[in-house]
PDB file of N, CA and C in Angstrom:
ATOM      1  N   UNK A   1     -24.978  -2.381  -2.669  1.00  0.00           N
ATOM      2  CA  UNK A   1     -23.379  -2.851  -1.984  1.00  0.00           C
ATOM      3  C   UNK A   1     -23.963  -3.060  -0.510  1.00  0.00           C
ATOM      4  N   UNK A   2     -23.309  -3.978  -0.043  1.00  0.00           N
ATOM      5  CA  UNK A   2     -23.456  -4.018   1.391  1.00  0.00           C
ATOM      6  C   UNK A   2     -22.119  -3.189   1.920  1.00  0.00           C
ATOM      7  N   UNK A   3     -22.425  -3.114   3.531  1.00  0.00           N
ATOM      8  CA  UNK A   3     -21.340  -2.434   4.202  1.00  0.00           C
ATOM      9  C   UNK A   3     -20.161  -3.222   4.141  1.00  0.00           C
ATOM     10  N   UNK A   4     -20.221  -4.410   4.370  1.00  0.00           N
ATOM     11  CA  UNK A   4     -18.929  -5.506   4.020  1.00  0.00           C
ATOM     12  C   UNK A   4     -18.223  -5.168   3.012  1.00  0.00           C
ATOM     13  N   UNK A   5     -18.853  -5.456   1.865  1.00  0.00           N
ATOM     14  CA  UNK A   5     -18.196  -5.138   0.416  1.00  0.00           C
ATOM     15  C   UNK A   5     -17.180  -3.836   0.316  1.00  0.00           C
ATOM     16  N   UNK A   6     -18.020  -2.753   0.724  1.00  0.00           N
ATOM     17  CA  UNK A   6     -17.422  -1.210   0.798  1.00  0.00           C
ATOM     18  C   UNK A   6     -15.848  -1.493   1.560  1.00  0.00           C
ATOM     19  N   UNK A   7     -16.240  -1.540   3.249  1.00  0.00           N
ATOM     20  CA  UNK A   7     -15.020  -1.960   3.960  1.00  0.00           C
ATOM     21  C   UNK A   7     -13.882  -2.754   3.476  1.00  0.00           C
ATOM     22  N   UNK A   8     -14.305  -3.837   2.865  1.00  0.00           N
ATOM     23  CA  UNK A   8     -13.424  -4.754   2.257  1.00  0.00           C
ATOM     24  C   UNK A   8     -12.555  -4.048   1.306  1.00  0.00           C
ATOM     25  N   UNK A   9     -13.318  -3.309   0.184  1.00  0.00           N
ATOM     26  CA  UNK A   9     -12.768  -2.704  -0.798  1.00  0.00           C
ATOM     27  C   UNK A   9     -11.844  -1.664   0.135  1.00  0.00           C
ATOM     28  N   UNK A  10     -12.396  -1.045   1.038  1.00  0.00           N
ATOM     29  CA  UNK A  10     -11.335   0.381   1.391  1.00  0.00           C
ATOM     30  C   UNK A  10      -9.963  -0.684   2.177  1.00  0.00           C
ATOM     31  N   UNK A  11     -10.240  -1.692   2.758  1.00  0.00           N
ATOM     32  CA  UNK A  11      -9.257  -2.171   3.080  1.00  0.00           C
ATOM     33  C   UNK A  11      -8.237  -2.587   1.980  1.00  0.00           C
ATOM     34  N   UNK A  12      -8.565  -2.940   1.088  1.00  0.00           N
ATOM     35  CA  UNK A  12      -7.677  -3.428  -0.074  1.00  0.00           C
ATOM     36  C   UNK A  12      -7.190  -2.132  -0.507  1.00  0.00           C
ATOM     37  N   UNK A  13      -7.768  -1.169  -0.726  1.00  0.00           N
ATOM     38  CA  UNK A  13      -7.101   0.120  -1.115  1.00  0.00           C
ATOM     39  C   UNK A  13      -5.924   0.798  -0.041  1.00  0.00           C
ATOM     40  N   UNK A  14      -6.225   0.470   1.272  1.00  0.00           N
ATOM     41  CA  UNK A  14      -5.290   0.835   2.060  1.00  0.00           C
ATOM     42  C   UNK A  14      -4.091   0.318   1.858  1.00  0.00           C
ATOM     43  N   UNK A  15      -4.035  -1.118   2.082  1.00  0.00           N
ATOM     44  CA  UNK A  15      -3.463  -2.289   2.000  1.00  0.00           C
ATOM     45  C   UNK A  15      -2.135  -2.048   0.776  1.00  0.00           C
ATOM     46  N   UNK A  16      -3.110  -1.768  -0.279  1.00  0.00           N
ATOM     47  CA  UNK A  16      -2.312  -1.228  -1.410  1.00  0.00           C
ATOM     48  C   UNK A  16      -1.644  -0.208  -1.402  1.00  0.00           C
ATOM     49  N   UNK A  17      -1.895   0.782  -0.640  1.00  0.00           N
ATOM     50  CA  UNK A  17      -1.221   2.102  -0.458  1.00  0.00           C
ATOM     51  C   UNK A  17      -0.126   1.706   0.200  1.00  0.00           C
ATOM     52  N   UNK A  18       0.006   1.298   1.632  1.00  0.00           N
ATOM     53  CA  UNK A  18       1.105   0.789   2.368  1.00  0.00           C
ATOM     54  C   UNK A  18       1.815  -0.277   1.665  1.00  0.00           C
ATOM     55  N   UNK A  19       1.566  -0.858   0.763  1.00  0.00           N
ATOM     56  CA  UNK A  19       2.633  -1.866  -0.059  1.00  0.00           C
ATOM     57  C   UNK A  19       3.126  -0.940  -0.911  1.00  0.00           C
ATOM     58  N   UNK A  20       2.555   0.276  -1.530  1.00  0.00           N
ATOM     59  CA  UNK A  20       3.088   0.902  -2.934  1.00  0.00           C
ATOM     60  C   UNK A  20       4.494   1.610  -1.935  1.00  0.00           C
ATOM     61  N   UNK A  21       3.878   2.542  -0.657  1.00  0.00           N
ATOM     62  CA  UNK A  21       4.806   3.012   0.027  1.00  0.00           C
ATOM     63  C   UNK A  21       5.991   2.359   0.658  1.00  0.00           C
ATOM     64  N   UNK A  22       5.838   1.027   0.823  1.00  0.00           N
ATOM     65  CA  UNK A  22       6.936   0.236   1.266  1.00  0.00           C
ATOM     66  C   UNK A  22       7.944   0.197   0.106  1.00  0.00           C
ATOM     67  N   UNK A  23       7.310   0.051  -0.904  1.00  0.00           N
ATOM     68  CA  UNK A  23       8.345  -0.582  -2.247  1.00  0.00           C
ATOM     69  C   UNK A  23       9.418   0.981  -2.351  1.00  0.00           C
ATOM     70  N   UNK A  24       8.516   2.289  -2.529  1.00  0.00           N
ATOM     71  CA  UNK A  24       8.991   3.448  -2.641  1.00  0.00           C
ATOM     72  C   UNK A  24      10.196   3.646  -1.734  1.00  0.00           C
ATOM     73  N   UNK A  25       9.924   3.259  -0.402  1.00  0.00           N
ATOM     74  CA  UNK A  25      10.950   3.617   0.816  1.00  0.00           C
ATOM     75  C   UNK A  25      12.083   2.634   0.400  1.00  0.00           C
ATOM     76  N   UNK A  26      11.661   1.283  -0.072  1.00  0.00           N
ATOM     77  CA  UNK A  26      12.727   0.223  -0.183  1.00  0.00           C
ATOM     78  C   UNK A  26      13.835   0.523  -1.537  1.00  0.00           C
ATOM     79  N   UNK A  27      12.763   1.304  -2.292  1.00  0.00           N
ATOM     80  CA  UNK A  27      13.811   1.711  -3.706  1.00  0.00           C
ATOM     81  C   UNK A  27      14.751   3.107  -3.140  1.00  0.00           C
ATOM     82  N   UNK A  28      14.332   3.766  -2.641  1.00  0.00           N
ATOM     83  CA  UNK A  28      15.205   5.038  -1.957  1.00  0.00           C
ATOM     84  C   UNK A  28      15.868   4.514  -1.021  1.00  0.00           C
ATOM     85  N   UNK A  29      16.032   3.335  -0.304  1.00  0.00           N
ATOM     86  CA  UNK A  29      16.925   3.251   0.758  1.00  0.00           C
ATOM     87  C   UNK A  29      18.094   2.604  -0.306  1.00  0.00           C
ATOM     88  N   UNK A  30      17.434   1.677  -1.360  1.00  0.00           N
ATOM     89  CA  UNK A  30      18.770   1.293  -2.459  1.00  0.00           C
ATOM     90  C   UNK A  30      19.687   2.275  -3.177  1.00  0.00           C
ATOM     91  N   UNK A  31      18.602   3.193  -3.395  1.00  0.00           N
ATOM     92  CA  UNK A  31      19.324   4.181  -4.465  1.00  0.00           C
ATOM     93  C   UNK A  31      20.236   4.859  -3.308  1.00  0.00           C
ATOM     94  N   UNK A  32      20.236   5.320  -1.978  1.00  0.00           N
ATOM     95  CA  UNK A  32      20.755   5.886  -1.134  1.00  0.00           C
ATOM     96  C   UNK A  32      22.184   5.214  -0.893  1.00  0.00           C
ATOM     97  N   UNK A  33      21.887   3.982  -0.346  1.00  0.00           N
ATOM     98  CA  UNK A  33      23.009   2.963   0.133  1.00  0.00           C
ATOM     99  C   UNK A  33      23.958   2.690  -1.229  1.00  0.00           C
ATOM    100  N   UNK A  34      23.004   2.602  -2.347  1.00  0.00           N
ATOM    101  CA  UNK A  34      24.208   2.150  -3.320  1.00  0.00           C
ATOM    102  C   UNK A  34      24.764   3.584  -3.882  1.00  0.00           C
TER     103      UNK A  34
END
């Protein structure tokens, strides 16, 4: 595996984690508001 492939995979994992975090935050806001 090349370094670029590893970096690309790590970036994907980080982006996925951020997306999940945003979704959870949005759900919490909806529950709190509702």
